C-alpha atoms as a PDB file:
ATOM      1  CA  MET A   1       0.053  -0.127  -0.100  1.00  0.00           C
ATOM      2  CA  THR A   2       1.435   3.380  -1.080  1.00  0.00           C
ATOM      3  CA  VAL A   3       1.104   6.169   1.637  1.00  0.00           C
ATOM      4  CA  ARG A   4       0.723   9.533   0.072  1.00  0.00           C
ATOM      5  CA  GLN A   5       2.279  12.575   2.251  1.00  0.00           C
ATOM      6  CA  LYS A   6      -0.299  15.171   3.078  1.00  0.00           C
ATOM      7  CA  PRO A   7       0.456  18.227   1.070  1.00  0.00           C
ATOM      8  CA  ARG A   8       2.146  20.909   3.379  1.00  0.00           C
ATOM      9  CA  GLY A   9       0.781  24.561   3.420  1.00  0.00           C
ATOM     10  CA  ARG A  10       2.912  27.429   4.054  1.00  0.00           C
ATOM     11  CA  PHE A  11       2.520  26.535   7.979  1.00  0.00           C
ATOM     12  CA  HIS A  12       5.433  24.256   7.702  1.00  0.00           C
ATOM     13  CA  HIS A  13       7.973  27.076   9.048  1.00  0.00           C
ATOM     14  CA  GLY A  14       5.975  27.410  12.325  1.00  0.00           C
ATOM     15  CA  ASP A  15       4.533  30.643  12.124  1.00  0.00           C
ATOM     16  CA  LEU A  16       0.823  30.297  11.547  1.00  0.00           C
ATOM     17  CA  ARG A  17       0.078  34.126  11.969  1.00  0.00           C
ATOM     18  CA  ARG A  18       2.280  34.952   9.203  1.00  0.00           C
ATOM     19  CA  ALA A  19       1.020  32.424   7.183  1.00  0.00           C
ATOM     20  CA  LEU A  20      -2.634  33.554   7.381  1.00  0.00           C
ATOM     21  CA  LEU A  21      -1.800  37.086   7.080  1.00  0.00           C
ATOM     22  CA  ASP A  22      -0.002  35.941   3.598  1.00  0.00           C
ATOM     23  CA  ALA A  23      -3.048  34.333   2.905  1.00  0.00           C
ATOM     24  CA  VAL A  24      -5.077  37.487   3.110  1.00  0.00           C
ATOM     25  CA  ALA A  25      -3.071  39.131   0.629  1.00  0.00           C
ATOM     26  CA  GLU A  26      -3.624  36.462  -1.865  1.00  0.00           C
ATOM     27  CA  ALA A  27      -7.139  36.156  -1.500  1.00  0.00           C
ATOM     28  CA  ALA A  28      -7.768  40.032  -1.373  1.00  0.00           C
ATOM     29  CA  LEU A  29      -5.993  40.424  -4.760  1.00  0.00           C
ATOM     30  CA  GLU A  30      -7.957  37.421  -6.369  1.00  0.00           C
ATOM     31  CA  HIS A  31     -11.532  37.790  -4.984  1.00  0.00           C
ATOM     32  CA  GLY A  32     -11.534  41.321  -3.392  1.00  0.00           C
ATOM     33  CA  PRO A  33     -11.502  41.951   0.410  1.00  0.00           C
ATOM     34  CA  GLU A  34     -15.035  41.519   0.976  1.00  0.00           C
ATOM     35  CA  ALA A  35     -14.692  37.925  -0.335  1.00  0.00           C
ATOM     36  CA  VAL A  36     -12.001  36.865   2.045  1.00  0.00           C
ATOM     37  CA  THR A  37     -12.982  34.262   4.729  1.00  0.00           C
ATOM     38  CA  LEU A  38     -10.973  32.946   7.667  1.00  0.00           C
ATOM     39  CA  ARG A  39     -11.856  29.324   6.287  1.00  0.00           C
ATOM     40  CA  ASP A  40     -10.392  29.914   2.701  1.00  0.00           C
ATOM     41  CA  CYS A  41      -7.268  31.632   4.526  1.00  0.00           C
ATOM     42  CA  ALA A  42      -6.732  28.378   6.553  1.00  0.00           C
ATOM     43  CA  ARG A  43      -7.006  26.581   3.551  1.00  0.00           C
ATOM     44  CA  ARG A  44      -4.235  28.461   1.849  1.00  0.00           C
ATOM     45  CA  ALA A  45      -2.199  28.276   4.832  1.00  0.00           C
ATOM     46  CA  GLY A  46      -2.668  24.442   4.896  1.00  0.00           C
ATOM     47  CA  VAL A  47      -4.242  24.093   8.214  1.00  0.00           C
ATOM     48  CA  ALA A  48      -7.778  23.508   9.592  1.00  0.00           C
ATOM     49  CA  HIS A  49     -10.191  26.494  10.270  1.00  0.00           C
ATOM     50  CA  SER A  50     -10.170  25.172  13.610  1.00  0.00           C
ATOM     51  CA  ALA A  51      -6.197  25.988  14.029  1.00  0.00           C
ATOM     52  CA  ALA A  52      -6.565  29.536  12.571  1.00  0.00           C
ATOM     53  CA  ALA A  53      -9.555  30.770  14.667  1.00  0.00           C
ATOM     54  CA  PRO A  54      -7.576  30.957  17.815  1.00  0.00           C
ATOM     55  CA  HIS A  55      -5.130  33.621  16.378  1.00  0.00           C
ATOM     56  CA  PHE A  56      -7.556  36.120  15.074  1.00  0.00           C
ATOM     57  CA  GLY A  57     -11.013  34.949  16.266  1.00  0.00           C
ATOM     58  CA  ASP A  58     -12.967  35.660  13.254  1.00  0.00           C
ATOM     59  CA  LYS A  59     -12.955  37.203   9.844  1.00  0.00           C
ATOM     60  CA  ARG A  60     -13.078  40.680  11.166  1.00  0.00           C
ATOM     61  CA  GLY A  61     -10.111  40.051  13.505  1.00  0.00           C
ATOM     62  CA  LEU A  62      -8.120  38.659  10.826  1.00  0.00           C
ATOM     63  CA  LEU A  63      -8.826  41.485   8.397  1.00  0.00           C
ATOM     64  CA  THR A  64      -7.978  44.070  11.400  1.00  0.00           C
ATOM     65  CA  ALA A  65      -4.828  42.412  11.787  1.00  0.00           C
ATOM     66  CA  PHE A  66      -3.883  42.450   8.135  1.00  0.00           C
ATOM     67  CA  ALA A  67      -4.935  46.272   7.993  1.00  0.00           C
ATOM     68  CA  THR A  68      -2.976  47.039  11.073  1.00  0.00           C
ATOM     69  CA  GLU A  69       0.200  45.672   9.257  1.00  0.00           C
ATOM     70  CA  GLY A  70      -0.976  47.619   6.506  1.00  0.00           C
ATOM     71  CA  PHE A  71      -0.816  51.072   8.362  1.00  0.00           C
ATOM     72  CA  GLU A  72       2.440  50.118  10.005  1.00  0.00           C
ATOM     73  CA  ARG A  73       4.182  49.626   6.622  1.00  0.00           C
ATOM     74  CA  LEU A  74       2.638  52.653   5.377  1.00  0.00           C
ATOM     75  CA  GLY A  75       3.946  54.753   8.195  1.00  0.00           C
ATOM     76  CA  ALA A  76       7.401  52.977   7.902  1.00  0.00           C
ATOM     77  CA  ALA A  77       7.640  53.692   4.104  1.00  0.00           C
ATOM     78  CA  GLN A  78       7.091  57.412   4.382  1.00  0.00           C
ATOM     79  CA  GLU A  79       9.688  57.466   7.393  1.00  0.00           C
ATOM     80  CA  ALA A  80      11.989  55.720   5.141  1.00  0.00           C
ATOM     81  CA  ALA A  81      11.570  58.159   2.273  1.00  0.00           C
ATOM     82  CA  MET A  82      11.735  61.219   4.484  1.00  0.00           C
ATOM     83  CA  ALA A  83      14.901  60.023   6.344  1.00  0.00           C
ATOM     84  CA  THR A  84      16.784  60.505   3.091  1.00  0.00           C
ATOM     85  CA  ALA A  85      15.283  63.692   1.935  1.00  0.00           C
ATOM     86  CA  PRO A  86      16.430  67.385   2.921  1.00  0.00           C
ATOM     87  CA  ARG A  87      14.952  68.555   6.224  1.00  0.00           C
ATOM     88  CA  THR A  88      13.089  71.485   4.521  1.00  0.00           C
ATOM     89  CA  ALA A  89       9.208  71.215   4.887  1.00  0.00           C
ATOM     90  CA  SER A  90       8.575  70.936   1.314  1.00  0.00           C
ATOM     91  CA  ALA A  91      11.224  68.182   0.489  1.00  0.00           C
ATOM     92  CA  GLN A  92       9.802  66.285   3.708  1.00  0.00           C
ATOM     93  CA  LEU A  93       6.314  66.416   2.510  1.00  0.00           C
ATOM     94  CA  THR A  94       7.392  65.521  -1.029  1.00  0.00           C
ATOM     95  CA  ALA A  95       9.112  62.326   0.233  1.00  0.00           C
ATOM     96  CA  SER A  96       6.103  61.720   2.403  1.00  0.00           C
ATOM     97  CA  GLY A  97       4.034  61.512  -0.729  1.00  0.00           C
ATOM     98  CA  ARG A  98       6.543  59.393  -2.549  1.00  0.00           C
ATOM     99  CA  GLY A  99       6.594  56.844   0.286  1.00  0.00           C
ATOM    100  CA  TYR A 100       2.802  56.871   0.126  1.00  0.00           C
ATOM    101  CA  ILE A 101       2.519  55.907  -3.282  1.00  0.00           C
ATOM    102  CA  GLY A 102       5.569  53.653  -3.297  1.00  0.00           C
ATOM    103  CA  PHE A 103       3.639  51.586  -0.336  1.00  0.00           C
ATOM    104  CA  ALA A 104       0.521  51.476  -2.266  1.00  0.00           C
ATOM    105  CA  ARG A 105       2.308  50.125  -5.475  1.00  0.00           C
ATOM    106  CA  ALA A 106       4.334  47.560  -3.424  1.00  0.00           C
ATOM    107  CA  ASN A 107       1.507  46.322  -1.308  1.00  0.00           C
ATOM    108  CA  PRO A 108      -1.437  46.302  -3.379  1.00  0.00           C
ATOM    109  CA  ALA A 109      -3.497  43.835  -1.046  1.00  0.00           C
ATOM    110  CA  HIS A 110      -2.992  45.924   2.097  1.00  0.00           C
ATOM    111  CA  PHE A 111      -3.912  49.298   0.225  1.00  0.00           C
ATOM    112  CA  ARG A 112      -6.961  47.559  -1.167  1.00  0.00           C
ATOM    113  CA  LEU A 113      -8.391  46.603   2.223  1.00  0.00           C
ATOM    114  CA  MET A 114      -7.140  48.786   4.926  1.00  0.00           C
ATOM    115  CA  PHE A 115      -9.788  51.444   4.178  1.00  0.00           C
ATOM    116  CA  ARG A 116     -12.622  49.482   4.033  1.00  0.00           C
ATOM    117  CA  GLU A 117     -13.773  50.418   7.359  1.00  0.00           C
ATOM    118  CA  ALA A 118     -17.077  48.106   7.176  1.00  0.00           C
ATOM    119  CA  LEU A 119     -14.840  45.162   7.378  1.00  0.00           C
ATOM    120  CA  LEU A 120     -12.591  46.217  10.338  1.00  0.00           C
ATOM    121  CA  ASP A 121     -12.993  46.580  14.083  1.00  0.00           C
ATOM    122  CA  GLY A 122     -12.533  50.382  14.584  1.00  0.00           C
ATOM    123  CA  THR A 123     -12.195  49.813  18.388  1.00  0.00           C
ATOM    124  CA  ASP A 124      -9.133  47.831  18.082  1.00  0.00           C
ATOM    125  CA  PRO A 125      -6.122  49.439  19.670  1.00  0.00           C
ATOM    126  CA  ALA A 126      -3.407  48.305  17.484  1.00  0.00           C
ATOM    127  CA  LEU A 127      -5.152  49.409  14.638  1.00  0.00           C
ATOM    128  CA  ASN A 128      -5.805  52.729  15.721  1.00  0.00           C
ATOM    129  CA  ALA A 129      -2.293  53.160  16.990  1.00  0.00           C
ATOM    130  CA  ALA A 130      -1.026  52.038  13.612  1.00  0.00           C
ATOM    131  CA  ARG A 131      -3.298  54.657  11.828  1.00  0.00           C
ATOM    132  CA  GLU A 132      -2.083  57.430  13.903  1.00  0.00           C
ATOM    133  CA  GLY A 133       1.611  56.310  12.973  1.00  0.00           C
ATOM    134  CA  ALA A 134       0.670  56.419   9.307  1.00  0.00           C
ATOM    135  CA  TRP A 135      -0.886  59.979   9.818  1.00  0.00           C
ATOM    136  CA  ALA A 136       2.150  61.349  11.774  1.00  0.00           C
ATOM    137  CA  PRO A 137       4.860  61.902   9.040  1.00  0.00           C
ATOM    138  CA  LEU A 138       2.496  63.850   6.955  1.00  0.00           C
ATOM    139  CA  GLU A 139       1.296  65.872  10.002  1.00  0.00           C
ATOM    140  CA  ARG A 140       4.918  66.561  11.149  1.00  0.00           C
ATOM    141  CA  SER A 141       6.039  67.916   8.023  1.00  0.00           C
ATOM    142  CA  LEU A 142       3.110  70.291   7.552  1.00  0.00           C
ATOM    143  CA  ARG A 143       3.390  71.681  11.019  1.00  0.00           C
ATOM    144  CA  ALA A 144       6.951  72.282  10.285  1.00  0.00           C
ATOM    145  CA  GLY A 145       6.131  74.302   7.096  1.00  0.00           C
ATOM    146  CA  LEU A 146       3.157  76.198   8.377  1.00  0.00           C
ATOM    147  CA  PRO A 147       4.127  76.867  12.096  1.00  0.00           C
ATOM    148  CA  ARG A 148       1.693  79.748  12.510  1.00  0.00           C
ATOM    149  CA  LEU A 149      -1.460  78.150  10.936  1.00  0.00           C
ATOM    150  CA  GLY A 150      -4.363  77.557  13.437  1.00  0.00           C
ATOM    151  CA  GLU A 151      -5.552  73.919  13.913  1.00  0.00           C
ATOM    152  CA  PRO A 152      -8.751  74.024  11.823  1.00  0.00           C
ATOM    153  CA  ALA A 153      -6.824  75.327   8.814  1.00  0.00           C
ATOM    154  CA  LEU A 154      -4.025  72.932   9.312  1.00  0.00           C
ATOM    155  CA  HIS A 155      -6.447  70.079   9.412  1.00  0.00           C
ATOM    156  CA  GLN A 156      -7.918  71.263   6.124  1.00  0.00           C
ATOM    157  CA  ARG A 157      -4.248  71.246   4.329  1.00  0.00           C
ATOM    158  CA  LEU A 158      -3.735  67.573   6.180  1.00  0.00           C
ATOM    159  CA  VAL A 159      -7.039  66.327   4.596  1.00  0.00           C
ATOM    160  CA  LEU A 160      -6.106  68.209   1.136  1.00  0.00           C
ATOM    161  CA  ALA A 161      -2.514  66.407   0.887  1.00  0.00           C
ATOM    162  CA  TRP A 162      -3.709  63.095   2.188  1.00  0.00           C
ATOM    163  CA  SER A 163      -6.790  63.057  -0.253  1.00  0.00           C
ATOM    164  CA  ALA A 164      -5.114  63.988  -3.288  1.00  0.00           C
ATOM    165  CA  VAL A 165      -2.063  61.599  -2.977  1.00  0.00           C
ATOM    166  CA  HIS A 166      -4.410  58.709  -1.639  1.00  0.00           C
ATOM    167  CA  GLY A 167      -6.693  59.649  -4.629  1.00  0.00           C
ATOM    168  CA  PHE A 168      -3.795  59.062  -7.011  1.00  0.00           C
ATOM    169  CA  ALA A 169      -2.698  55.848  -5.392  1.00  0.00           C
ATOM    170  CA  THR A 170      -6.297  54.502  -5.595  1.00  0.00           C
ATOM    171  CA  LEU A 171      -6.808  55.459  -9.064  1.00  0.00           C
ATOM    172  CA  GLU A 172      -3.532  53.876 -10.013  1.00  0.00           C
ATOM    173  CA  SER A 173      -4.448  50.789  -8.313  1.00  0.00           C
ATOM    174  CA  GLU A 174      -7.814  50.301  -9.910  1.00  0.00           C
ATOM    175  CA  GLY A 175      -6.289  50.561 -13.336  1.00  0.00           C
ATOM    176  CA  ALA A 176      -6.812  54.209 -14.369  1.00  0.00           C
ATOM    177  CA  GLN A 177      -3.146  54.770 -15.463  1.00  0.00           C
ATOM    178  CA  HIS A 178      -4.009  55.800 -18.971  1.00  0.00           C
ATOM    179  CA  ILE A 179      -5.693  59.055 -17.417  1.00  0.00           C
ATOM    180  CA  LEU A 180      -3.453  59.556 -14.622  1.00  0.00           C
ATOM    181  CA  HIS A 181      -0.156  59.194 -16.381  1.00  0.00           C
ATOM    182  CA  GLY A 182      -0.949  60.568 -19.824  1.00  0.00           C
ATOM    183  CA  ALA A 183       2.071  60.625 -22.211  1.00  0.00           C
ATOM    184  CA  GLU A 184       4.403  60.582 -18.976  1.00  0.00           C
ATOM    185  CA  SER A 185       5.969  57.558 -16.909  1.00  0.00           C
ATOM    186  CA  ALA A 186       4.069  56.165 -13.849  1.00  0.00           C
ATOM    187  CA  ASP A 187       7.053  57.790 -11.777  1.00  0.00           C
ATOM    188  CA  ALA A 188       6.874  61.123 -13.377  1.00  0.00           C
ATOM    189  CA  ALA A 189       3.188  61.508 -13.195  1.00  0.00           C
ATOM    190  CA  ALA A 190       3.287  60.745  -9.551  1.00  0.00           C
ATOM    191  CA  GLU A 191       6.134  63.552  -9.016  1.00  0.00           C
ATOM    192  CA  ALA A 192       3.900  65.808 -10.804  1.00  0.00           C
ATOM    193  CA  CYS A 193       0.923  65.102  -8.415  1.00  0.00           C
ATOM    194  CA  ILE A 194       2.929  65.219  -5.639  1.00  0.00           C
ATOM    195  CA  ALA A 195       4.663  68.446  -6.400  1.00  0.00           C
ATOM    196  CA  ALA A 196       1.165  70.346  -6.969  1.00  0.00           C
ATOM    197  CA  VAL A 197      -0.009  68.728  -3.654  1.00  0.00           C
ATOM    198  CA  VAL A 198       2.862  70.163  -1.924  1.00  0.00           C
ATOM    199  CA  ARG A 199       2.581  73.723  -3.396  1.00  0.00           C
ATOM    200  CA  ALA A 200      -1.110  73.883  -2.632  1.00  0.00           C
ATOM    201  CA  ALA A 201      -0.449  72.586   1.131  1.00  0.00           C
ATOM    202  CA  LEU A 202       2.215  74.780   1.911  1.00  0.00           C
ATOM    203  CA  ARG A 203       0.874  78.045   0.299  1.00  0.00           C
ATOM    204  CA  ARG A 204       0.877  80.924   2.611  1.00  0.00           C
ATOM    205  CA  GLY A 205      -1.403  84.073   3.106  1.00  0.00           C
ATOM    206  CA  ASP A 206      -4.483  82.284   4.511  1.00  0.00           C
END
């Protein structure tokens, strides 16, 4: 009698949590964030659903952990870009935008899922800490460039800068490159968008 070896999932290395988060990335790209299930992610990781549940509880817990990782990566991408840029406010804000778009391009599954509020546990402390960390580089650079601007006006500039760069990254991820890029390369189009955002966000006289 021939004994067949059971196919090994990615859990063979011993880190089931990591394997399940990697499975979320696969499933989100293949079928969209709403279609991700804990059972399917367990199957992709090569374990039973009962083995996966203790790590995250349910689908919402799994997606919240995945989104938390995404915000942590987003903050780190901005910080890394800003660390090599000149210390002027405009250069730092520009680098923040580059890091943001670079993150979206390098982490499409995270970017697609981490802003789907209905799928996440908005009360999760780790998620909220990661969100604040991802927001901090942009806020810090704008405060440095506009030290006398009042809080309401500063918040408006923050929303303007974030919305514009996030919108560019979202449209690019959804396949609208032919409109966004025009005759330019992807990087040139991104640089032009960021430059326009920096000029608008740092304008004085308000």
